[in-house]
Amino acid sequence: MFRKIVIDINTDLLAIRSGATLARFSDIPTMSQNIYIYPKASALLSAKVDSIQILGGPPVEGGSHNHWRMFFIIDPSTAFCFDMSVGGDGRTGVLIIQDVPYPNRDDMEKPFAIVPLSFTTTHTIQDIITSLTKHSMECYRFTPEGDGCRHWIRQVVRMWEAEGRLPAGSRSKLDESILFFWTSPTESRESPPAVGDFYSN
């Protein structure tokens, strides 16, 4: 039900594939070891962001939920993907950060659900990462079944709304889509999110 990932270091690419134990890597030594940044993306952390697309992909193989990710739009052709994924032990979350062409339907896995949000002020990618690590939001465990990405995203949006980074009502807007299991882009049913847990780093 969950996706294990392994990261290979290769000059300017970290390849994510199905596999065994997750290698530990951070392109920026001061960062949490729960965050992995593609080397190419590390040069763009000062890029400015106003809008967000939160996307639910197709149903996870063998499961009854969609995998959700956050895309931060930095220009009409580029976005940063923040993907909280299950690590090699089947539970520990790993926040994968990479820059991707935008829009790119292959990379976005032909989203079944899209929730657009906007920051109240301009943020850089580094600002976003810092806001997460300040509250240890990168320290997250999935359920034993490998589910829990929706809960992580809802808690991040709740935090940003409480801090005024997102306008009031942002999580309610998100909940109109993320509290459902999307079997197709036009068909869904209510599905309470599986709840993982946060821990101290």
C-alpha atoms as a PDB file:
ATOM      1  CA  MET A   1       0.000   0.000   0.000  1.00  0.00           C
ATOM      2  CA  PHE A   2       2.871   2.381   0.697  1.00  0.00           C
ATOM      3  CA  ARG A   3       5.686   3.464  -1.568  1.00  0.00           C
ATOM      4  CA  LYS A   4       9.227   2.832  -0.370  1.00  0.00           C
ATOM      5  CA  ILE A   5      11.893   5.049  -1.834  1.00  0.00           C
ATOM      6  CA  VAL A   6      15.641   4.947  -2.151  1.00  0.00           C
ATOM      7  CA  ILE A   7      17.801   7.899  -3.157  1.00  0.00           C
ATOM      8  CA  ASP A   8      20.935   7.501  -5.254  1.00  0.00           C
ATOM      9  CA  ILE A   9      23.435  10.355  -5.283  1.00  0.00           C
ATOM     10  CA  ASN A  10      24.558  11.116  -8.849  1.00  0.00           C
ATOM     11  CA  THR A  11      26.326  14.491  -9.417  1.00  0.00           C
ATOM     12  CA  ASP A  12      23.217  16.498 -10.257  1.00  0.00           C
ATOM     13  CA  LEU A  13      20.336  14.044  -9.835  1.00  0.00           C
ATOM     14  CA  LEU A  14      18.736  12.101  -7.026  1.00  0.00           C
ATOM     15  CA  ALA A  15      16.766   9.294  -8.612  1.00  0.00           C
ATOM     16  CA  ILE A  16      13.724   8.039  -6.736  1.00  0.00           C
ATOM     17  CA  ARG A  17      12.659   4.510  -7.437  1.00  0.00           C
ATOM     18  CA  SER A  18      11.003   1.558  -5.755  1.00  0.00           C
ATOM     19  CA  GLY A  19      13.553  -0.128  -3.578  1.00  0.00           C
ATOM     20  CA  ALA A  20      15.170  -0.950  -0.299  1.00  0.00           C
ATOM     21  CA  THR A  21      16.456   1.151   2.566  1.00  0.00           C
ATOM     22  CA  LEU A  22      16.505   4.915   2.174  1.00  0.00           C
ATOM     23  CA  ALA A  23      19.946   6.495   2.024  1.00  0.00           C
ATOM     24  CA  ARG A  24      20.362   9.634   4.124  1.00  0.00           C
ATOM     25  CA  PHE A  25      21.180  12.743   2.120  1.00  0.00           C
ATOM     26  CA  SER A  26      20.794  16.502   2.351  1.00  0.00           C
ATOM     27  CA  ASP A  27      22.327  18.907  -0.102  1.00  0.00           C
ATOM     28  CA  ILE A  28      22.353  21.562   2.627  1.00  0.00           C
ATOM     29  CA  PRO A  29      24.198  20.244   5.721  1.00  0.00           C
ATOM     30  CA  THR A  30      22.281  22.445   8.175  1.00  0.00           C
ATOM     31  CA  MET A  31      18.963  20.931   7.154  1.00  0.00           C
ATOM     32  CA  SER A  32      17.016  18.213   8.904  1.00  0.00           C
ATOM     33  CA  GLN A  33      17.880  14.708   7.771  1.00  0.00           C
ATOM     34  CA  ASN A  34      14.176  14.159   7.112  1.00  0.00           C
ATOM     35  CA  ILE A  35      14.383  16.526   4.142  1.00  0.00           C
ATOM     36  CA  TYR A  36      15.998  15.576   0.841  1.00  0.00           C
ATOM     37  CA  ILE A  37      16.586  18.169  -1.842  1.00  0.00           C
ATOM     38  CA  TYR A  38      17.574  17.412  -5.406  1.00  0.00           C
ATOM     39  CA  PRO A  39      21.001  19.040  -5.947  1.00  0.00           C
ATOM     40  CA  LYS A  40      19.749  21.034  -8.919  1.00  0.00           C
ATOM     41  CA  ALA A  41      16.867  22.387  -6.832  1.00  0.00           C
ATOM     42  CA  SER A  42      19.153  23.582  -4.038  1.00  0.00           C
ATOM     43  CA  ALA A  43      20.342  26.435  -6.263  1.00  0.00           C
ATOM     44  CA  LEU A  44      16.786  27.776  -6.535  1.00  0.00           C
ATOM     45  CA  LEU A  45      15.815  28.069  -2.871  1.00  0.00           C
ATOM     46  CA  SER A  46      15.630  31.864  -3.133  1.00  0.00           C
ATOM     47  CA  ALA A  47      12.904  31.601  -5.799  1.00  0.00           C
ATOM     48  CA  LYS A  48       9.741  33.485  -4.826  1.00  0.00           C
ATOM     49  CA  VAL A  49       6.335  31.844  -4.472  1.00  0.00           C
ATOM     50  CA  ASP A  50       2.828  33.274  -4.302  1.00  0.00           C
ATOM     51  CA  SER A  51       0.562  30.411  -5.342  1.00  0.00           C
ATOM     52  CA  ILE A  52       0.238  26.765  -4.349  1.00  0.00           C
ATOM     53  CA  GLN A  53      -1.403  23.799  -6.046  1.00  0.00           C
ATOM     54  CA  ILE A  54      -2.210  20.875  -3.742  1.00  0.00           C
ATOM     55  CA  LEU A  55      -2.755  17.822  -5.911  1.00  0.00           C
ATOM     56  CA  GLY A  56      -4.249  14.413  -5.264  1.00  0.00           C
ATOM     57  CA  GLY A  57      -2.937  11.739  -7.614  1.00  0.00           C
ATOM     58  CA  PRO A  58      -4.567   8.516  -8.801  1.00  0.00           C
ATOM     59  CA  PRO A  59      -5.496   5.908  -6.179  1.00  0.00           C
ATOM     60  CA  VAL A  60      -2.466   4.327  -4.540  1.00  0.00           C
ATOM     61  CA  GLU A  61      -1.981   0.792  -5.816  1.00  0.00           C
ATOM     62  CA  GLY A  62      -3.774  -1.638  -3.549  1.00  0.00           C
ATOM     63  CA  GLY A  63      -5.132   1.142  -1.370  1.00  0.00           C
ATOM     64  CA  SER A  64      -8.237   3.217  -0.883  1.00  0.00           C
ATOM     65  CA  HIS A  65      -6.629   6.646  -0.840  1.00  0.00           C
ATOM     66  CA  ASN A  66      -4.837   9.068  -3.141  1.00  0.00           C
ATOM     67  CA  HIS A  67      -1.296  10.339  -2.659  1.00  0.00           C
ATOM     68  CA  TRP A  68      -1.290  14.119  -2.191  1.00  0.00           C
ATOM     69  CA  ARG A  69       1.586  16.544  -2.828  1.00  0.00           C
ATOM     70  CA  MET A  70       2.163  20.285  -2.677  1.00  0.00           C
ATOM     71  CA  PHE A  71       3.389  22.274  -5.690  1.00  0.00           C
ATOM     72  CA  PHE A  72       4.724  25.813  -5.192  1.00  0.00           C
ATOM     73  CA  ILE A  73       4.614  27.808  -8.420  1.00  0.00           C
ATOM     74  CA  ILE A  74       7.710  29.976  -8.928  1.00  0.00           C
ATOM     75  CA  ASP A  75       7.086  31.041 -12.554  1.00  0.00           C
ATOM     76  CA  PRO A  76       4.771  30.085 -15.451  1.00  0.00           C
ATOM     77  CA  SER A  77       6.978  27.109 -16.344  1.00  0.00           C
ATOM     78  CA  THR A  78       8.452  25.892 -13.036  1.00  0.00           C
ATOM     79  CA  ALA A  79       7.192  24.635  -9.688  1.00  0.00           C
ATOM     80  CA  PHE A  80       8.699  23.100  -6.580  1.00  0.00           C
ATOM     81  CA  CYS A  81       7.189  19.790  -5.500  1.00  0.00           C
ATOM     82  CA  PHE A  82       7.076  19.016  -1.767  1.00  0.00           C
ATOM     83  CA  ASP A  83       6.314  15.308  -1.468  1.00  0.00           C
ATOM     84  CA  MET A  84       6.012  13.757   2.009  1.00  0.00           C
ATOM     85  CA  SER A  85       6.700  10.104   1.244  1.00  0.00           C
ATOM     86  CA  VAL A  86       7.217   6.901   3.185  1.00  0.00           C
ATOM     87  CA  GLY A  87      10.864   6.031   3.832  1.00  0.00           C
ATOM     88  CA  GLY A  88      12.535   2.659   3.604  1.00  0.00           C
ATOM     89  CA  ASP A  89      11.346   1.500   7.047  1.00  0.00           C
ATOM     90  CA  GLY A  90       7.722   1.738   5.911  1.00  0.00           C
ATOM     91  CA  ARG A  91       6.734   4.484   8.348  1.00  0.00           C
ATOM     92  CA  THR A  92       9.210   7.343   8.716  1.00  0.00           C
ATOM     93  CA  GLY A  93       8.298  10.271   6.504  1.00  0.00           C
ATOM     94  CA  VAL A  94      10.802  11.823   4.113  1.00  0.00           C
ATOM     95  CA  LEU A  95      10.072  15.211   2.582  1.00  0.00           C
ATOM     96  CA  ILE A  96      11.347  15.092  -1.012  1.00  0.00           C
ATOM     97  CA  ILE A  97      11.856  18.546  -2.567  1.00  0.00           C
ATOM     98  CA  GLN A  98      12.521  19.054  -6.266  1.00  0.00           C
ATOM     99  CA  ASP A  99      11.926  21.583  -8.999  1.00  0.00           C
ATOM    100  CA  VAL A 100       9.735  20.330 -11.849  1.00  0.00           C
ATOM    101  CA  PRO A 101       8.425  21.713 -15.144  1.00  0.00           C
ATOM    102  CA  TYR A 102       5.016  23.309 -14.655  1.00  0.00           C
ATOM    103  CA  PRO A 103       2.501  22.382 -15.779  1.00  0.00           C
ATOM    104  CA  ASN A 104       3.754  18.852 -16.314  1.00  0.00           C
ATOM    105  CA  ARG A 105       0.983  16.300 -16.163  1.00  0.00           C
ATOM    106  CA  ASP A 106       3.387  13.364 -16.164  1.00  0.00           C
ATOM    107  CA  ASP A 107       5.185  14.592 -13.051  1.00  0.00           C
ATOM    108  CA  MET A 108       1.900  15.532 -11.429  1.00  0.00           C
ATOM    109  CA  GLU A 109       0.576  12.020 -12.089  1.00  0.00           C
ATOM    110  CA  LYS A 110      -2.523  13.323 -13.903  1.00  0.00           C
ATOM    111  CA  PRO A 111      -4.092  14.755 -10.749  1.00  0.00           C
ATOM    112  CA  PHE A 112      -7.539  13.566  -9.768  1.00  0.00           C
ATOM    113  CA  ALA A 113      -8.067  16.571  -7.476  1.00  0.00           C
ATOM    114  CA  ILE A 114      -6.556  20.075  -7.455  1.00  0.00           C
ATOM    115  CA  VAL A 115      -6.794  22.647  -4.651  1.00  0.00           C
ATOM    116  CA  PRO A 116      -5.334  26.099  -5.447  1.00  0.00           C
ATOM    117  CA  LEU A 117      -4.223  28.272  -2.520  1.00  0.00           C
ATOM    118  CA  SER A 118      -2.296  31.537  -2.261  1.00  0.00           C
ATOM    119  CA  PHE A 119       0.067  32.915   0.370  1.00  0.00           C
ATOM    120  CA  THR A 120      -0.905  36.249   1.897  1.00  0.00           C
ATOM    121  CA  THR A 121       2.636  37.533   1.201  1.00  0.00           C
ATOM    122  CA  THR A 122       5.426  36.386  -1.081  1.00  0.00           C
ATOM    123  CA  HIS A 123       7.579  33.544   0.286  1.00  0.00           C
ATOM    124  CA  THR A 124      10.791  31.999  -0.982  1.00  0.00           C
ATOM    125  CA  ILE A 125      11.243  28.245  -1.112  1.00  0.00           C
ATOM    126  CA  GLN A 126      13.735  28.628   1.740  1.00  0.00           C
ATOM    127  CA  ASP A 127      11.086  30.487   3.776  1.00  0.00           C
ATOM    128  CA  ILE A 128       8.706  27.573   3.279  1.00  0.00           C
ATOM    129  CA  ILE A 129      11.289  25.002   4.345  1.00  0.00           C
ATOM    130  CA  THR A 130      12.240  27.082   7.397  1.00  0.00           C
ATOM    131  CA  SER A 131       8.588  27.423   8.436  1.00  0.00           C
ATOM    132  CA  LEU A 132       8.286  23.631   8.397  1.00  0.00           C
ATOM    133  CA  THR A 133      11.501  22.868  10.284  1.00  0.00           C
ATOM    134  CA  LYS A 134      10.780  25.577  12.872  1.00  0.00           C
ATOM    135  CA  HIS A 135       7.818  23.475  14.038  1.00  0.00           C
ATOM    136  CA  SER A 136       9.402  20.055  13.260  1.00  0.00           C
ATOM    137  CA  MET A 137       6.737  19.421  10.636  1.00  0.00           C
ATOM    138  CA  GLU A 138       9.236  17.335   8.678  1.00  0.00           C
ATOM    139  CA  CYS A 139       9.354  14.834  11.566  1.00  0.00           C
ATOM    140  CA  TYR A 140       6.388  12.659  10.670  1.00  0.00           C
ATOM    141  CA  ARG A 141       5.524   8.964  10.822  1.00  0.00           C
ATOM    142  CA  PHE A 142       2.955   7.356   8.565  1.00  0.00           C
ATOM    143  CA  THR A 143       0.531   4.713   9.798  1.00  0.00           C
ATOM    144  CA  PRO A 144       1.715   1.066   9.830  1.00  0.00           C
ATOM    145  CA  GLU A 145      -0.153   0.730   6.513  1.00  0.00           C
ATOM    146  CA  GLY A 146       1.929   3.534   4.995  1.00  0.00           C
ATOM    147  CA  ASP A 147      -0.919   6.057   4.833  1.00  0.00           C
ATOM    148  CA  GLY A 148      -0.991   9.595   6.217  1.00  0.00           C
ATOM    149  CA  CYS A 149       0.021  12.136   3.553  1.00  0.00           C
ATOM    150  CA  ARG A 150      -3.377  13.864   3.773  1.00  0.00           C
ATOM    151  CA  HIS A 151      -3.076  14.401   7.512  1.00  0.00           C
ATOM    152  CA  TRP A 152       0.403  15.891   7.069  1.00  0.00           C
ATOM    153  CA  ILE A 153      -0.794  18.354   4.415  1.00  0.00           C
ATOM    154  CA  ARG A 154      -3.871  19.334   6.453  1.00  0.00           C
ATOM    155  CA  GLN A 155      -1.707  20.063   9.487  1.00  0.00           C
ATOM    156  CA  VAL A 156       0.729  22.154   7.433  1.00  0.00           C
ATOM    157  CA  VAL A 157      -2.115  24.194   5.942  1.00  0.00           C
ATOM    158  CA  ARG A 158      -3.706  24.598   9.388  1.00  0.00           C
ATOM    159  CA  MET A 159      -0.386  25.885  10.763  1.00  0.00           C
ATOM    160  CA  TRP A 160       0.147  28.334   7.920  1.00  0.00           C
ATOM    161  CA  GLU A 161      -3.410  29.623   8.253  1.00  0.00           C
ATOM    162  CA  ALA A 162      -2.954  30.129  12.012  1.00  0.00           C
ATOM    163  CA  GLU A 163       0.279  32.039  11.345  1.00  0.00           C
ATOM    164  CA  GLY A 164      -1.397  34.242   8.742  1.00  0.00           C
ATOM    165  CA  ARG A 165       0.686  32.876   5.871  1.00  0.00           C
ATOM    166  CA  LEU A 166      -2.524  31.610   4.260  1.00  0.00           C
ATOM    167  CA  PRO A 167      -5.863  33.456   4.366  1.00  0.00           C
ATOM    168  CA  ALA A 168      -8.655  32.385   6.706  1.00  0.00           C
ATOM    169  CA  GLY A 169     -10.685  29.519   5.303  1.00  0.00           C
ATOM    170  CA  SER A 170      -7.770  27.878   3.482  1.00  0.00           C
ATOM    171  CA  ARG A 171      -8.030  24.555   5.313  1.00  0.00           C
ATOM    172  CA  SER A 172     -11.792  24.495   4.866  1.00  0.00           C
ATOM    173  CA  LYS A 173     -11.222  24.963   1.147  1.00  0.00           C
ATOM    174  CA  LEU A 174      -8.667  22.137   1.192  1.00  0.00           C
ATOM    175  CA  ASP A 175     -11.052  19.861   3.095  1.00  0.00           C
ATOM    176  CA  GLU A 176     -13.626  20.143   0.340  1.00  0.00           C
ATOM    177  CA  SER A 177     -11.332  17.862  -1.697  1.00  0.00           C
ATOM    178  CA  ILE A 178      -8.780  16.192   0.564  1.00  0.00           C
ATOM    179  CA  LEU A 179     -11.371  14.540   2.827  1.00  0.00           C
ATOM    180  CA  PHE A 180     -12.466  12.393  -0.102  1.00  0.00           C
ATOM    181  CA  PHE A 181     -11.131   9.350  -1.916  1.00  0.00           C
ATOM    182  CA  TRP A 182     -11.008  10.195  -5.612  1.00  0.00           C
ATOM    183  CA  THR A 183     -11.568   7.142  -7.820  1.00  0.00           C
ATOM    184  CA  SER A 184     -11.486   9.361 -10.926  1.00  0.00           C
ATOM    185  CA  PRO A 185     -11.246  13.116 -11.581  1.00  0.00           C
ATOM    186  CA  THR A 186     -15.043  13.290 -11.451  1.00  0.00           C
ATOM    187  CA  GLU A 187     -15.944  10.617  -8.869  1.00  0.00           C
ATOM    188  CA  SER A 188     -15.205  10.588  -5.165  1.00  0.00           C
ATOM    189  CA  ARG A 189     -16.551   9.450  -1.829  1.00  0.00           C
ATOM    190  CA  GLU A 190     -15.981  10.625   1.723  1.00  0.00           C
ATOM    191  CA  SER A 191     -12.876   9.125   3.282  1.00  0.00           C
ATOM    192  CA  PRO A 192     -11.501  10.299   6.643  1.00  0.00           C
ATOM    193  CA  PRO A 193      -7.721  10.766   6.408  1.00  0.00           C
ATOM    194  CA  ALA A 194      -5.447   8.267   8.115  1.00  0.00           C
ATOM    195  CA  VAL A 195      -3.623  10.000  10.953  1.00  0.00           C
ATOM    196  CA  GLY A 196       0.135   9.666  11.281  1.00  0.00           C
ATOM    197  CA  ASP A 197       2.046  11.243  14.146  1.00  0.00           C
ATOM    198  CA  PHE A 198       4.602  14.002  14.550  1.00  0.00           C
ATOM    199  CA  TYR A 199       7.663  13.529  16.735  1.00  0.00           C
ATOM    200  CA  SER A 200      10.489  15.647  18.107  1.00  0.00           C
ATOM    201  CA  ASN A 201      13.677  15.740  16.069  1.00  0.00           C
END
